[in-house]
C-alpha atoms as a PDB file:
ATOM      1  CA  MET A   1     110.931  70.365 102.253  1.00  0.00           C
ATOM      2  CA  VAL A   2     112.962  73.041 100.826  1.00  0.00           C
ATOM      3  CA  SER A   3     112.544  73.638  96.733  1.00  0.00           C
ATOM      4  CA  LYS A   4     115.636  73.153  94.154  1.00  0.00           C
ATOM      5  CA  GLN A   5     114.722  76.490  93.065  1.00  0.00           C
ATOM      6  CA  MET A   6     114.676  78.091  96.894  1.00  0.00           C
ATOM      7  CA  GLU A   7     117.497  76.641  97.644  1.00  0.00           C
ATOM      8  CA  TYR A   8     119.096  78.340  94.369  1.00  0.00           C
ATOM      9  CA  VAL A   9     117.959  81.760  95.790  1.00  0.00           C
ATOM     10  CA  ILE A  10     119.218  81.095  99.362  1.00  0.00           C
ATOM     11  CA  LYS A  11     122.719  80.037  97.932  1.00  0.00           C
ATOM     12  CA  GLY A  12     122.756  83.005  95.757  1.00  0.00           C
ATOM     13  CA  LEU A  13     121.703  85.368  99.074  1.00  0.00           C
ATOM     14  CA  TRP A  14     124.487  84.336 101.288  1.00  0.00           C
ATOM     15  CA  TYR A  15     127.304  86.710  99.315  1.00  0.00           C
ATOM     16  CA  SER A  16     124.924  89.889  99.831  1.00  0.00           C
ATOM     17  CA  ARG A  17     124.364  88.828 103.019  1.00  0.00           C
ATOM     18  CA  ASN A  18     127.874  89.233 103.958  1.00  0.00           C
ATOM     19  CA  LEU A  19     128.347  92.555 102.885  1.00  0.00           C
ATOM     20  CA  GLU A  20     129.192  95.357 105.264  1.00  0.00           C
ATOM     21  CA  ILE A  21     126.513  97.710 104.339  1.00  0.00           C
ATOM     22  CA  LYS A  22     128.102 100.342 106.895  1.00  0.00           C
ATOM     23  CA  LYS A  23     130.452 101.601 104.484  1.00  0.00           C
ATOM     24  CA  ARG A  24     128.099 102.002 101.512  1.00  0.00           C
ATOM     25  CA  VAL A  25     124.532 102.514 101.733  1.00  0.00           C
ATOM     26  CA  GLY A  26     124.401 103.452  97.953  1.00  0.00           C
ATOM     27  CA  GLU A  27     125.906 100.398  96.705  1.00  0.00           C
ATOM     28  CA  HIS A  28     123.442  98.259  99.126  1.00  0.00           C
ATOM     29  CA  ARG A  29     120.523  99.983  97.104  1.00  0.00           C
ATOM     30  CA  LYS A  30     122.154  99.737  93.724  1.00  0.00           C
ATOM     31  CA  GLY A  31     122.591  95.292  94.708  1.00  0.00           C
ATOM     32  CA  LEU A  32     118.568  95.669  94.981  1.00  0.00           C
ATOM     33  CA  GLU A  33     118.325  97.189  91.979  1.00  0.00           C
ATOM     34  CA  VAL A  34     120.688  95.125  89.940  1.00  0.00           C
ATOM     35  CA  MET A  35     119.000  92.016  91.619  1.00  0.00           C
ATOM     36  CA  THR A  36     115.530  92.818  89.971  1.00  0.00           C
ATOM     37  CA  GLU A  37     116.510  94.729  87.020  1.00  0.00           C
ATOM     38  CA  GLY A  38     116.115  91.450  84.898  1.00  0.00           C
ATOM     39  CA  VAL A  39     112.719  90.971  86.032  1.00  0.00           C
ATOM     40  CA  LYS A  40     110.120  91.811  83.521  1.00  0.00           C
ATOM     41  CA  LEU A  41     106.079  92.552  84.240  1.00  0.00           C
ATOM     42  CA  PRO A  42     103.292  90.577  81.539  1.00  0.00           C
ATOM     43  CA  ASP A  43     102.363  92.914  78.874  1.00  0.00           C
ATOM     44  CA  ASP A  44      99.045  93.032  80.135  1.00  0.00           C
ATOM     45  CA  VAL A  45     100.181  94.897  83.042  1.00  0.00           C
ATOM     46  CA  GLU A  46      99.458  98.606  83.063  1.00  0.00           C
ATOM     47  CA  SER A  47     101.153 101.375  85.605  1.00  0.00           C
ATOM     48  CA  GLY A  48     101.575 105.104  85.798  1.00  0.00           C
ATOM     49  CA  LYS A  49     103.703 107.219  87.738  1.00  0.00           C
ATOM     50  CA  ILE A  50     101.840 109.386  90.865  1.00  0.00           C
ATOM     51  CA  ASP A  51     102.561 112.485  92.409  1.00  0.00           C
ATOM     52  CA  ILE A  52     101.411 112.326  95.823  1.00  0.00           C
ATOM     53  CA  ASN A  53     101.896 115.545  96.632  1.00  0.00           C
ATOM     54  CA  GLY A  54     105.636 115.210  96.263  1.00  0.00           C
ATOM     55  CA  LEU A  55     105.493 111.687  97.129  1.00  0.00           C
ATOM     56  CA  ASN A  56     106.742 109.541  94.477  1.00  0.00           C
ATOM     57  CA  GLY A  57     104.598 106.405  94.069  1.00  0.00           C
ATOM     58  CA  THR A  58     103.379 104.013  91.011  1.00  0.00           C
ATOM     59  CA  LEU A  59      99.468 102.725  90.278  1.00  0.00           C
ATOM     60  CA  PHE A  60      99.603  99.535  88.861  1.00  0.00           C
ATOM     61  CA  SER A  61      96.483  97.087  87.783  1.00  0.00           C
ATOM     62  CA  THR A  62      96.192  94.202  85.685  1.00  0.00           C
ATOM     63  CA  PRO A  63      92.963  93.181  83.260  1.00  0.00           C
ATOM     64  CA  GLU A  64      92.229  91.259  86.643  1.00  0.00           C
ATOM     65  CA  SER A  65      91.812  94.411  88.691  1.00  0.00           C
ATOM     66  CA  LYS A  66      88.429  95.956  89.401  1.00  0.00           C
ATOM     67  CA  ASP A  67      88.782  99.819  89.917  1.00  0.00           C
ATOM     68  CA  ASP A  68      86.368 100.144  93.334  1.00  0.00           C
ATOM     69  CA  ARG A  69      89.560  98.543  95.493  1.00  0.00           C
ATOM     70  CA  ILE A  70      92.884  99.021  96.289  1.00  0.00           C
ATOM     71  CA  VAL A  71      96.128  97.512  97.733  1.00  0.00           C
ATOM     72  CA  LEU A  72      98.722 100.378  99.467  1.00  0.00           C
ATOM     73  CA  PHE A  73     101.892  98.521  99.202  1.00  0.00           C
ATOM     74  CA  LEU A  74     105.277  99.287 101.369  1.00  0.00           C
ATOM     75  CA  HIS A  75     108.537  97.798  99.965  1.00  0.00           C
ATOM     76  CA  GLY A  76     111.205  96.346 102.232  1.00  0.00           C
ATOM     77  CA  GLY A  77     114.714  97.213 102.497  1.00  0.00           C
ATOM     78  CA  ALA A  78     115.283  98.000 106.452  1.00  0.00           C
ATOM     79  CA  TYR A  79     113.983 101.162 105.532  1.00  0.00           C
ATOM     80  CA  ILE A  80     117.420 102.064 103.890  1.00  0.00           C
ATOM     81  CA  ALA A  81     117.112 101.476 100.771  1.00  0.00           C
ATOM     82  CA  GLY A  82     114.200  99.444  98.227  1.00  0.00           C
ATOM     83  CA  SER A  83     111.698 100.794  95.659  1.00  0.00           C
ATOM     84  CA  VAL A  84     108.317 100.820  93.836  1.00  0.00           C
ATOM     85  CA  GLU A  85     111.191  99.154  90.913  1.00  0.00           C
ATOM     86  CA  THR A  86     112.820  96.399  93.283  1.00  0.00           C
ATOM     87  CA  SER A  87     109.449  94.909  94.577  1.00  0.00           C
ATOM     88  CA  LYS A  88     107.245  95.579  91.528  1.00  0.00           C
ATOM     89  CA  TYR A  89     106.862  91.872  90.504  1.00  0.00           C
ATOM     90  CA  HIS A  90     105.772  90.733  93.761  1.00  0.00           C
ATOM     91  CA  ALA A  91     103.573  93.776  94.187  1.00  0.00           C
ATOM     92  CA  VAL A  92     101.812  93.262  90.490  1.00  0.00           C
ATOM     93  CA  LEU A  93     101.253  89.266  90.908  1.00  0.00           C
ATOM     94  CA  ILE A  94      99.138  90.577  94.550  1.00  0.00           C
ATOM     95  CA  SER A  95      97.133  92.791  92.046  1.00  0.00           C
ATOM     96  CA  ARG A  96      96.479  90.631  89.705  1.00  0.00           C
ATOM     97  CA  LEU A  97      95.707  87.530  91.975  1.00  0.00           C
ATOM     98  CA  ALA A  98      93.827  89.795  94.859  1.00  0.00           C
ATOM     99  CA  LYS A  99      91.911  91.409  91.560  1.00  0.00           C
ATOM    100  CA  ALA A 100      92.403  94.886  92.805  1.00  0.00           C
ATOM    101  CA  GLN A 101      94.872  98.072  91.888  1.00  0.00           C
ATOM    102  CA  LEU A 102      97.642  98.597  93.635  1.00  0.00           C
ATOM    103  CA  LEU A 103      99.874 102.021  94.685  1.00  0.00           C
ATOM    104  CA  SER A 104     103.334 101.325  95.610  1.00  0.00           C
ATOM    105  CA  ILE A 105     105.314 104.146  97.234  1.00  0.00           C
ATOM    106  CA  ASP A 106     108.940 105.709  97.111  1.00  0.00           C
ATOM    107  CA  TYR A 107     108.449 106.449 100.737  1.00  0.00           C
ATOM    108  CA  ARG A 108     111.778 108.653 101.970  1.00  0.00           C
ATOM    109  CA  LEU A 109     114.518 106.393 103.331  1.00  0.00           C
ATOM    110  CA  ALA A 110     117.382 107.035 105.875  1.00  0.00           C
ATOM    111  CA  PRO A 111     119.807 108.158 106.197  1.00  0.00           C
ATOM    112  CA  GLU A 112     118.852 110.853 104.233  1.00  0.00           C
ATOM    113  CA  HIS A 113     115.256 110.849 106.058  1.00  0.00           C
ATOM    114  CA  PRO A 114     115.005 109.175 109.391  1.00  0.00           C
ATOM    115  CA  TYR A 115     111.843 108.384 110.928  1.00  0.00           C
ATOM    116  CA  PRO A 116     108.902 109.933 111.179  1.00  0.00           C
ATOM    117  CA  ALA A 117     109.623 110.240 107.297  1.00  0.00           C
ATOM    118  CA  ALA A 118     108.531 107.111 105.929  1.00  0.00           C
ATOM    119  CA  LEU A 119     105.419 107.367 108.687  1.00  0.00           C
ATOM    120  CA  ASN A 120     104.526 110.405 107.551  1.00  0.00           C
ATOM    121  CA  ASP A 121     104.561 109.438 103.714  1.00  0.00           C
ATOM    122  CA  ALA A 122     102.664 106.133 104.344  1.00  0.00           C
ATOM    123  CA  VAL A 123      99.996 108.038 106.339  1.00  0.00           C
ATOM    124  CA  ASN A 124      99.789 110.639 103.196  1.00  0.00           C
ATOM    125  CA  ALA A 125      99.595 108.539 101.073  1.00  0.00           C
ATOM    126  CA  TYR A 126      96.664 106.470 102.423  1.00  0.00           C
ATOM    127  CA  ASN A 127      94.400 110.170 102.822  1.00  0.00           C
ATOM    128  CA  TRP A 128      95.308 110.200  99.205  1.00  0.00           C
ATOM    129  CA  LEU A 129      93.725 107.748  98.540  1.00  0.00           C
ATOM    130  CA  ILE A 130      90.744 108.256 100.795  1.00  0.00           C
ATOM    131  CA  LYS A 131      90.267 112.347  99.581  1.00  0.00           C
ATOM    132  CA  GLU A 132      91.581 111.971  96.765  1.00  0.00           C
ATOM    133  CA  LYS A 133      90.838 109.174  94.713  1.00  0.00           C
ATOM    134  CA  LYS A 134      87.616 108.532  96.749  1.00  0.00           C
ATOM    135  CA  PHE A 135      88.589 105.337  98.011  1.00  0.00           C
ATOM    136  CA  PRO A 136      86.285 104.422 100.933  1.00  0.00           C
ATOM    137  CA  PRO A 137      88.580 102.548 103.776  1.00  0.00           C
ATOM    138  CA  ASN A 138      86.471  99.251 103.078  1.00  0.00           C
ATOM    139  CA  LYS A 139      88.110  98.917  99.815  1.00  0.00           C
ATOM    140  CA  ILE A 140      92.171  99.623 100.686  1.00  0.00           C
ATOM    141  CA  VAL A 141      93.825  96.710 102.501  1.00  0.00           C
ATOM    142  CA  PHE A 142      97.636  97.540 103.264  1.00  0.00           C
ATOM    143  CA  VAL A 143     100.370  95.085 102.550  1.00  0.00           C
ATOM    144  CA  GLY A 144     103.901  95.661 103.578  1.00  0.00           C
ATOM    145  CA  VAL A 145     107.045  93.207 103.294  1.00  0.00           C
ATOM    146  CA  SER A 146     110.182  93.525 106.210  1.00  0.00           C
ATOM    147  CA  ALA A 147     110.437  97.570 107.173  1.00  0.00           C
ATOM    148  CA  GLY A 148     107.484  97.860 104.862  1.00  0.00           C
ATOM    149  CA  GLY A 149     105.530  95.279 107.136  1.00  0.00           C
ATOM    150  CA  GLY A 150     106.533  97.192 110.340  1.00  0.00           C
ATOM    151  CA  LEU A 151     105.642 100.733 108.784  1.00  0.00           C
ATOM    152  CA  THR A 152     102.136  99.086 107.933  1.00  0.00           C
ATOM    153  CA  VAL A 153     101.437  98.581 111.523  1.00  0.00           C
ATOM    154  CA  ALA A 154     103.256 101.296 112.349  1.00  0.00           C
ATOM    155  CA  THR A 155     100.646 103.496 110.018  1.00  0.00           C
ATOM    156  CA  LEU A 156      97.517 101.762 111.815  1.00  0.00           C
ATOM    157  CA  LEU A 157      98.364 103.238 114.712  1.00  0.00           C
ATOM    158  CA  LYS A 158      99.157 106.625 113.190  1.00  0.00           C
ATOM    159  CA  LEU A 159      96.028 106.991 111.945  1.00  0.00           C
ATOM    160  CA  ARG A 160      94.086 105.295 114.424  1.00  0.00           C
ATOM    161  CA  GLU A 161      95.737 108.236 116.739  1.00  0.00           C
ATOM    162  CA  MET A 162      94.361 111.104 114.116  1.00  0.00           C
ATOM    163  CA  GLY A 163      91.045 109.515 114.107  1.00  0.00           C
ATOM    164  CA  ILE A 164      90.981 108.203 110.767  1.00  0.00           C
ATOM    165  CA  GLU A 165      89.083 105.194 109.636  1.00  0.00           C
ATOM    166  CA  LEU A 166      91.673 102.445 109.202  1.00  0.00           C
ATOM    167  CA  PRO A 167      91.399  99.962 106.130  1.00  0.00           C
ATOM    168  CA  VAL A 168      89.475  96.691 106.130  1.00  0.00           C
ATOM    169  CA  ALA A 169      92.838  94.526 106.615  1.00  0.00           C
ATOM    170  CA  ALA A 170      96.572  94.561 106.357  1.00  0.00           C
ATOM    171  CA  VAL A 171      99.149  91.902 105.452  1.00  0.00           C
ATOM    172  CA  CYS A 172     102.717  91.823 106.928  1.00  0.00           C
ATOM    173  CA  ILE A 173     105.214  89.758 105.358  1.00  0.00           C
ATOM    174  CA  SER A 174     108.109  88.836 107.822  1.00  0.00           C
ATOM    175  CA  PRO A 175     107.403  92.420 109.206  1.00  0.00           C
ATOM    176  CA  TRP A 176     110.665  94.151 110.663  1.00  0.00           C
ATOM    177  CA  ALA A 177     108.460  95.206 114.120  1.00  0.00           C
ATOM    178  CA  ASP A 178     111.433  95.495 116.436  1.00  0.00           C
ATOM    179  CA  LEU A 179     114.440  97.471 115.926  1.00  0.00           C
ATOM    180  CA  ALA A 180     115.159  97.505 119.463  1.00  0.00           C
ATOM    181  CA  PHE A 181     116.254  94.050 118.340  1.00  0.00           C
ATOM    182  CA  THR A 182     114.747  92.294 121.759  1.00  0.00           C
ATOM    183  CA  GLY A 183     113.471  89.250 120.080  1.00  0.00           C
ATOM    184  CA  GLU A 184     114.971  85.539 120.859  1.00  0.00           C
ATOM    185  CA  THR A 185     115.793  84.718 117.232  1.00  0.00           C
ATOM    186  CA  PHE A 186     117.572  87.580 116.285  1.00  0.00           C
ATOM    187  CA  LYS A 187     120.860  86.430 116.689  1.00  0.00           C
ATOM    188  CA  PRO A 188     120.452  82.493 117.137  1.00  0.00           C
ATOM    189  CA  ARG A 189     118.943  82.226 113.431  1.00  0.00           C
ATOM    190  CA  ALA A 190     121.509  84.280 112.052  1.00  0.00           C
ATOM    191  CA  SER A 191     123.112  81.426 110.566  1.00  0.00           C
ATOM    192  CA  MET A 192     120.154  79.865 108.677  1.00  0.00           C
ATOM    193  CA  ASP A 193     118.967  83.462 106.923  1.00  0.00           C
ATOM    194  CA  PRO A 194     121.051  84.864 104.062  1.00  0.00           C
ATOM    195  CA  PHE A 195     118.299  87.857 103.618  1.00  0.00           C
ATOM    196  CA  THR A 196     119.351  89.506 106.972  1.00  0.00           C
ATOM    197  CA  SER A 197     121.926  89.896 109.523  1.00  0.00           C
ATOM    198  CA  PRO A 198     121.973  91.288 113.248  1.00  0.00           C
ATOM    199  CA  TYR A 199     125.135  93.673 111.893  1.00  0.00           C
ATOM    200  CA  ASN A 200     123.139  94.985 108.787  1.00  0.00           C
ATOM    201  CA  LEU A 201     119.766  95.280 110.344  1.00  0.00           C
ATOM    202  CA  ASP A 202     121.557  97.105 113.489  1.00  0.00           C
ATOM    203  CA  PHE A 203     123.300  99.569 111.821  1.00  0.00           C
ATOM    204  CA  ALA A 204     120.167 100.082 109.161  1.00  0.00           C
ATOM    205  CA  ALA A 205     118.224 100.788 112.484  1.00  0.00           C
ATOM    206  CA  SER A 206     120.381 102.948 113.525  1.00  0.00           C
ATOM    207  CA  LEU A 207     120.186 105.176 110.573  1.00  0.00           C
ATOM    208  CA  TYR A 208     116.376 105.107 110.663  1.00  0.00           C
ATOM    209  CA  VAL A 209     115.954 105.549 114.527  1.00  0.00           C
ATOM    210  CA  ASP A 210     118.650 108.391 114.543  1.00  0.00           C
ATOM    211  CA  LYS A 211     117.732 110.417 117.800  1.00  0.00           C
ATOM    212  CA  SER A 212     114.462 108.597 118.339  1.00  0.00           C
ATOM    213  CA  ASP A 213     113.913 105.779 120.934  1.00  0.00           C
ATOM    214  CA  ALA A 214     114.085 102.523 119.285  1.00  0.00           C
ATOM    215  CA  ARG A 215     111.180 101.003 121.185  1.00  0.00           C
ATOM    216  CA  ASN A 216     108.812 103.829 120.456  1.00  0.00           C
ATOM    217  CA  PRO A 217     105.524 101.854 119.093  1.00  0.00           C
ATOM    218  CA  TYR A 218     105.583 104.191 115.577  1.00  0.00           C
ATOM    219  CA  ILE A 219     109.066 102.500 115.148  1.00  0.00           C
ATOM    220  CA  SER A 220     108.889  98.779 116.640  1.00  0.00           C
ATOM    221  CA  PRO A 221     104.859  98.188 116.921  1.00  0.00           C
ATOM    222  CA  VAL A 222     105.718  95.069 119.030  1.00  0.00           C
ATOM    223  CA  TYR A 223     105.722  97.489 121.955  1.00  0.00           C
ATOM    224  CA  ALA A 224     102.121  98.926 120.900  1.00  0.00           C
ATOM    225  CA  ASP A 225      98.670  98.018 122.259  1.00  0.00           C
ATOM    226  CA  LEU A 226      97.212  97.067 118.772  1.00  0.00           C
ATOM    227  CA  HIS A 227      93.753  97.599 119.908  1.00  0.00           C
ATOM    228  CA  GLY A 228      91.210  98.843 116.999  1.00  0.00           C
ATOM    229  CA  LEU A 229      93.261  97.986 114.115  1.00  0.00           C
ATOM    230  CA  PRO A 230      91.701  95.755 111.274  1.00  0.00           C
ATOM    231  CA  PRO A 231      92.416  92.218 110.788  1.00  0.00           C
ATOM    232  CA  LEU A 232      96.216  91.334 110.155  1.00  0.00           C
ATOM    233  CA  PHE A 233      97.776  88.443 107.972  1.00  0.00           C
ATOM    234  CA  ILE A 234     101.142  87.603 109.037  1.00  0.00           C
ATOM    235  CA  ILE A 235     103.208  85.262 107.197  1.00  0.00           C
ATOM    236  CA  VAL A 236     106.792  84.718 108.142  1.00  0.00           C
ATOM    237  CA  GLY A 237     109.263  81.908 107.981  1.00  0.00           C
ATOM    238  CA  THR A 238     110.999  79.510 110.479  1.00  0.00           C
ATOM    239  CA  ALA A 239     114.496  80.188 109.408  1.00  0.00           C
ATOM    240  CA  GLU A 240     114.441  84.297 110.144  1.00  0.00           C
ATOM    241  CA  VAL A 241     116.522  86.271 112.053  1.00  0.00           C
ATOM    242  CA  LEU A 242     112.999  88.245 112.804  1.00  0.00           C
ATOM    243  CA  HIS A 243     110.930  85.357 113.177  1.00  0.00           C
ATOM    244  CA  ASP A 244     110.522  86.338 116.724  1.00  0.00           C
ATOM    245  CA  ASP A 245     108.856  90.074 115.291  1.00  0.00           C
ATOM    246  CA  SER A 246     106.034  88.205 113.447  1.00  0.00           C
ATOM    247  CA  ILE A 247     105.113  86.055 116.703  1.00  0.00           C
ATOM    248  CA  ARG A 248     105.123  88.844 118.976  1.00  0.00           C
ATOM    249  CA  LEU A 249     103.294  90.844 116.765  1.00  0.00           C
ATOM    250  CA  ALA A 250     100.246  88.354 116.324  1.00  0.00           C
ATOM    251  CA  GLU A 251     100.090  87.567 120.076  1.00  0.00           C
ATOM    252  CA  ASN A 252      99.728  91.349 121.117  1.00  0.00           C
ATOM    253  CA  ALA A 253      97.309  91.661 118.148  1.00  0.00           C
ATOM    254  CA  GLY A 254      95.272  88.282 119.631  1.00  0.00           C
ATOM    255  CA  PHE A 255      95.712  89.897 123.854  1.00  0.00           C
ATOM    256  CA  ALA A 256      94.482  93.116 122.076  1.00  0.00           C
ATOM    257  CA  GLY A 257      91.203  91.627 120.432  1.00  0.00           C
ATOM    258  CA  VAL A 258      92.349  91.835 117.091  1.00  0.00           C
ATOM    259  CA  GLU A 259      91.529  89.115 114.709  1.00  0.00           C
ATOM    260  CA  VAL A 260      94.970  87.845 113.180  1.00  0.00           C
ATOM    261  CA  ILE A 261      96.486  85.217 111.038  1.00  0.00           C
ATOM    262  CA  ILE A 262      99.399  84.034 111.550  1.00  0.00           C
ATOM    263  CA  ASP A 263     101.000  82.078 108.318  1.00  0.00           C
ATOM    264  CA  ILE A 264     104.355  80.188 109.512  1.00  0.00           C
ATOM    265  CA  TRP A 265     106.277  78.425 106.634  1.00  0.00           C
ATOM    266  CA  GLU A 266     108.697  75.823 107.787  1.00  0.00           C
ATOM    267  CA  ASP A 267     112.531  76.332 106.797  1.00  0.00           C
ATOM    268  CA  MET A 268     111.638  79.858 104.804  1.00  0.00           C
ATOM    269  CA  ILE A 269     114.244  82.987 104.683  1.00  0.00           C
ATOM    270  CA  HIS A 270     113.117  86.379 105.244  1.00  0.00           C
ATOM    271  CA  ALA A 271     110.509  87.738 102.940  1.00  0.00           C
ATOM    272  CA  PHE A 272     110.491  84.761 101.075  1.00  0.00           C
ATOM    273  CA  PRO A 273     107.135  85.235  99.534  1.00  0.00           C
ATOM    274  CA  VAL A 274     109.303  88.125  97.289  1.00  0.00           C
ATOM    275  CA  PHE A 275     110.845  85.660  95.019  1.00  0.00           C
ATOM    276  CA  ALA A 276     108.193  84.394  93.640  1.00  0.00           C
ATOM    277  CA  ASN A 277     108.928  84.568  89.949  1.00  0.00           C
ATOM    278  CA  VAL A 278     111.474  82.215  90.912  1.00  0.00           C
ATOM    279  CA  ALA A 279     110.409  79.990  93.714  1.00  0.00           C
ATOM    280  CA  PRO A 280     107.381  77.502  93.958  1.00  0.00           C
ATOM    281  CA  GLU A 281     106.924  78.274  97.868  1.00  0.00           C
ATOM    282  CA  SER A 282     106.906  81.456  96.996  1.00  0.00           C
ATOM    283  CA  GLN A 283     104.464  81.880  94.304  1.00  0.00           C
ATOM    284  CA  GLN A 284     102.231  79.767  96.570  1.00  0.00           C
ATOM    285  CA  ALA A 285     102.586  82.399  99.475  1.00  0.00           C
ATOM    286  CA  ILE A 286     101.718  85.204  97.206  1.00  0.00           C
ATOM    287  CA  GLU A 287      98.545  83.422  96.364  1.00  0.00           C
ATOM    288  CA  LYS A 288      97.474  82.710 100.211  1.00  0.00           C
ATOM    289  CA  ILE A 289      98.220  86.782 100.479  1.00  0.00           C
ATOM    290  CA  SER A 290      96.181  87.495  97.834  1.00  0.00           C
ATOM    291  CA  LYS A 291      92.793  84.947  98.981  1.00  0.00           C
ATOM    292  CA  PHE A 292      92.627  87.007 101.948  1.00  0.00           C
ATOM    293  CA  ILE A 293      93.227  90.238 100.552  1.00  0.00           C
ATOM    294  CA  TYR A 294      90.535  89.265  98.057  1.00  0.00           C
ATOM    295  CA  ASP A 295      88.329  87.798 100.836  1.00  0.00           C
ATOM    296  CA  SER A 296      88.317  91.124 102.778  1.00  0.00           C
ATOM    297  CA  PHE A 297      87.197  93.141 100.539  1.00  0.00           C
ATOM    298  CA  LYS A 298      84.314  90.753  99.889  1.00  0.00           C
ATOM    299  CA  GLN A 299      83.767  90.708 103.738  1.00  0.00           C
ATOM    300  CA  ASP A 300      82.506  94.996 102.881  1.00  0.00           C
END
């Protein structure tokens, strides 16, 4: 049963769900900023701006965070919006509950920077953690939301191709993993999901994909051979346009011999864990995600 708090969130999202982002990408970005600008972090959170060879990031920590482990966080926003700032509350909550530092990056966005800019930024951030900050891969976990969830898997694939040791685990929150839109739930669940729409996603995909092939595994990891990837935790709601992306990604991971957990939440909308400051379901989801991260660090 959906909580009253989540019902309030869903009701509030329907307006933005129907915006035509095609003519105002800038307004869409501003809308995300406005939606989160009133969110205040607890006083005990420490944060510092980081320059990763020209890439902007923020390092977060709480009193619970241990110095020897870190989460690399990739925000959502359909590859055209979102930032460290718009995702800071749920990112910091993960840092606290997983007892780890967290690096959130402002990877470059389309249309100014189409594929492979975001992928290159994520790869560079991981390499920076290893080479400059001296974190061993077994003390790094990736977490990505929506587009950041697809980017998480794409980054793992790119690192594998480059022969770079992979992080100990990865979390995908409602991953956008098929920018060719072949999933069975893409259109049928459009009336259930106020956070995304086929129209808006199709337009955002056109900006990110640009002149590339949408079925390129580094753009749409549902088409990838996932062998050799670290354990994955995928969380998704049943009221999502992109529900099938998570299901297929989990199935493909299992077929490839990857250890995978698929956590399906009834009646939950796209990226519902990001509302942890409002809804109890979201808080509970972040707690499960954080436990997976914490346990992943303990195994090594």
